[in-house]
Amino acid sequence: MLRPEDYDLWLDPGITDYQRVVDFLHPFDATLMKKYPVSTRVNRPENDDQDCAREIPIAHPAPRLF
C-alpha cells in the first residue's frame, strides 16, 4: 500500500531507477485494513468512479459450511 504522499513519485513515468521507489515496497499492516461488500459495478471497467468503492448492505448472506 502506498501512502498518499508517495503517489506522485510512484506513478512518475520518468523514474527508471527502481532504487528511488524500492522503499515503498513493504508489507502493509493487515490490522489496519478493512473489508466490506461492494456492488457488482466493480466488474465493469467503464465504471471508474467512487461508487465502485461504496459499501453496500448484504441482502442475503451466503450460507456457511461450518
C-alpha atoms as a PDB file:
ATOM      1  CA  MET A   1       0.000   0.000   0.000  1.00  0.00           C
ATOM      2  CA  LEU A   2       1.277   3.400  -0.891  1.00  0.00           C
ATOM      3  CA  ARG A   3       0.999   6.428   1.313  1.00  0.00           C
ATOM      4  CA  PRO A   4      -0.753   9.329  -0.443  1.00  0.00           C
ATOM      5  CA  GLU A   5       2.400  11.437  -0.244  1.00  0.00           C
ATOM      6  CA  ASP A   6       4.226   8.784  -2.334  1.00  0.00           C
ATOM      7  CA  TYR A   7       1.692   8.574  -5.191  1.00  0.00           C
ATOM      8  CA  ASP A   8       3.324  11.123  -7.492  1.00  0.00           C
ATOM      9  CA  LEU A   9       6.779   9.575  -7.294  1.00  0.00           C
ATOM     10  CA  TRP A  10       5.444   6.011  -7.686  1.00  0.00           C
ATOM     11  CA  LEU A  11       3.427   6.986 -10.771  1.00  0.00           C
ATOM     12  CA  ASP A  12       6.128   9.168 -12.332  1.00  0.00           C
ATOM     13  CA  PRO A  13       6.851   7.647 -15.783  1.00  0.00           C
ATOM     14  CA  GLY A  14      10.270   9.334 -15.764  1.00  0.00           C
ATOM     15  CA  ILE A  15      11.533   7.126 -12.925  1.00  0.00           C
ATOM     16  CA  THR A  16      13.809   4.490 -14.425  1.00  0.00           C
ATOM     17  CA  ASP A  17      15.942   3.701 -11.356  1.00  0.00           C
ATOM     18  CA  TYR A  18      13.984   1.324  -9.134  1.00  0.00           C
ATOM     19  CA  GLN A  19      16.133   2.311  -6.140  1.00  0.00           C
ATOM     20  CA  ARG A  20      14.181   5.579  -5.955  1.00  0.00           C
ATOM     21  CA  VAL A  21      10.936   3.712  -5.193  1.00  0.00           C
ATOM     22  CA  VAL A  22      12.096   0.422  -3.625  1.00  0.00           C
ATOM     23  CA  ASP A  23      11.425   1.766  -0.116  1.00  0.00           C
ATOM     24  CA  PHE A  24       7.715   1.907  -0.985  1.00  0.00           C
ATOM     25  CA  LEU A  25       7.642  -1.892  -1.322  1.00  0.00           C
ATOM     26  CA  HIS A  26       6.948  -3.114   2.174  1.00  0.00           C
ATOM     27  CA  PRO A  27       4.064  -5.063   3.724  1.00  0.00           C
ATOM     28  CA  PHE A  28       1.035  -3.148   4.908  1.00  0.00           C
ATOM     29  CA  ASP A  29      -0.235  -3.866   8.428  1.00  0.00           C
ATOM     30  CA  ALA A  30      -3.235  -6.149   7.878  1.00  0.00           C
ATOM     31  CA  THR A  31      -4.841  -4.971  11.124  1.00  0.00           C
ATOM     32  CA  LEU A  32      -5.306  -1.552   9.511  1.00  0.00           C
ATOM     33  CA  MET A  33      -7.200  -2.983   6.528  1.00  0.00           C
ATOM     34  CA  LYS A  34     -10.989  -3.094   6.282  1.00  0.00           C
ATOM     35  CA  LYS A  35     -13.082  -5.363   4.094  1.00  0.00           C
ATOM     36  CA  TYR A  36     -16.692  -4.852   3.106  1.00  0.00           C
ATOM     37  CA  PRO A  37     -19.040  -5.840   0.289  1.00  0.00           C
ATOM     38  CA  VAL A  38     -19.238  -3.637  -2.790  1.00  0.00           C
ATOM     39  CA  SER A  39     -21.558  -3.541  -5.766  1.00  0.00           C
ATOM     40  CA  THR A  40     -21.022  -5.691  -8.830  1.00  0.00           C
ATOM     41  CA  ARG A  41     -20.383  -2.374 -10.607  1.00  0.00           C
ATOM     42  CA  VAL A  42     -16.691  -3.082  -9.950  1.00  0.00           C
ATOM     43  CA  ASN A  43     -16.866  -5.875 -12.535  1.00  0.00           C
ATOM     44  CA  ARG A  44     -17.065  -3.455 -15.459  1.00  0.00           C
ATOM     45  CA  PRO A  45     -14.032  -1.323 -16.403  1.00  0.00           C
ATOM     46  CA  GLU A  46     -16.202   1.536 -17.663  1.00  0.00           C
ATOM     47  CA  ASN A  47     -17.459   2.031 -14.090  1.00  0.00           C
ATOM     48  CA  ASP A  48     -14.492   4.019 -12.826  1.00  0.00           C
ATOM     49  CA  ASP A  49     -15.830   6.177 -10.042  1.00  0.00           C
ATOM     50  CA  GLN A  50     -16.152   6.361  -6.260  1.00  0.00           C
ATOM     51  CA  ASP A  51     -19.407   4.397  -6.274  1.00  0.00           C
ATOM     52  CA  CYS A  52     -17.350   1.272  -7.002  1.00  0.00           C
ATOM     53  CA  ALA A  53     -15.828   1.515  -3.520  1.00  0.00           C
ATOM     54  CA  ARG A  54     -19.083   2.325  -1.731  1.00  0.00           C
ATOM     55  CA  GLU A  55     -20.054  -0.227   0.916  1.00  0.00           C
ATOM     56  CA  ILE A  56     -23.374  -1.947   0.272  1.00  0.00           C
ATOM     57  CA  PRO A  57     -25.548  -3.969   2.651  1.00  0.00           C
ATOM     58  CA  ILE A  58     -25.672  -7.716   2.180  1.00  0.00           C
ATOM     59  CA  ALA A  59     -29.248  -8.648   1.296  1.00  0.00           C
ATOM     60  CA  HIS A  60     -28.953 -12.405   1.816  1.00  0.00           C
ATOM     61  CA  PRO A  61     -25.817 -13.669   3.498  1.00  0.00           C
ATOM     62  CA  ALA A  62     -24.287 -16.733   1.878  1.00  0.00           C
ATOM     63  CA  PRO A  63     -24.751 -19.973   3.820  1.00  0.00           C
ATOM     64  CA  ARG A  64     -21.749 -21.087   5.816  1.00  0.00           C
ATOM     65  CA  LEU A  65     -20.344 -24.579   5.567  1.00  0.00           C
ATOM     66  CA  PHE A  66     -19.048 -24.699   9.137  1.00  0.00           C
END
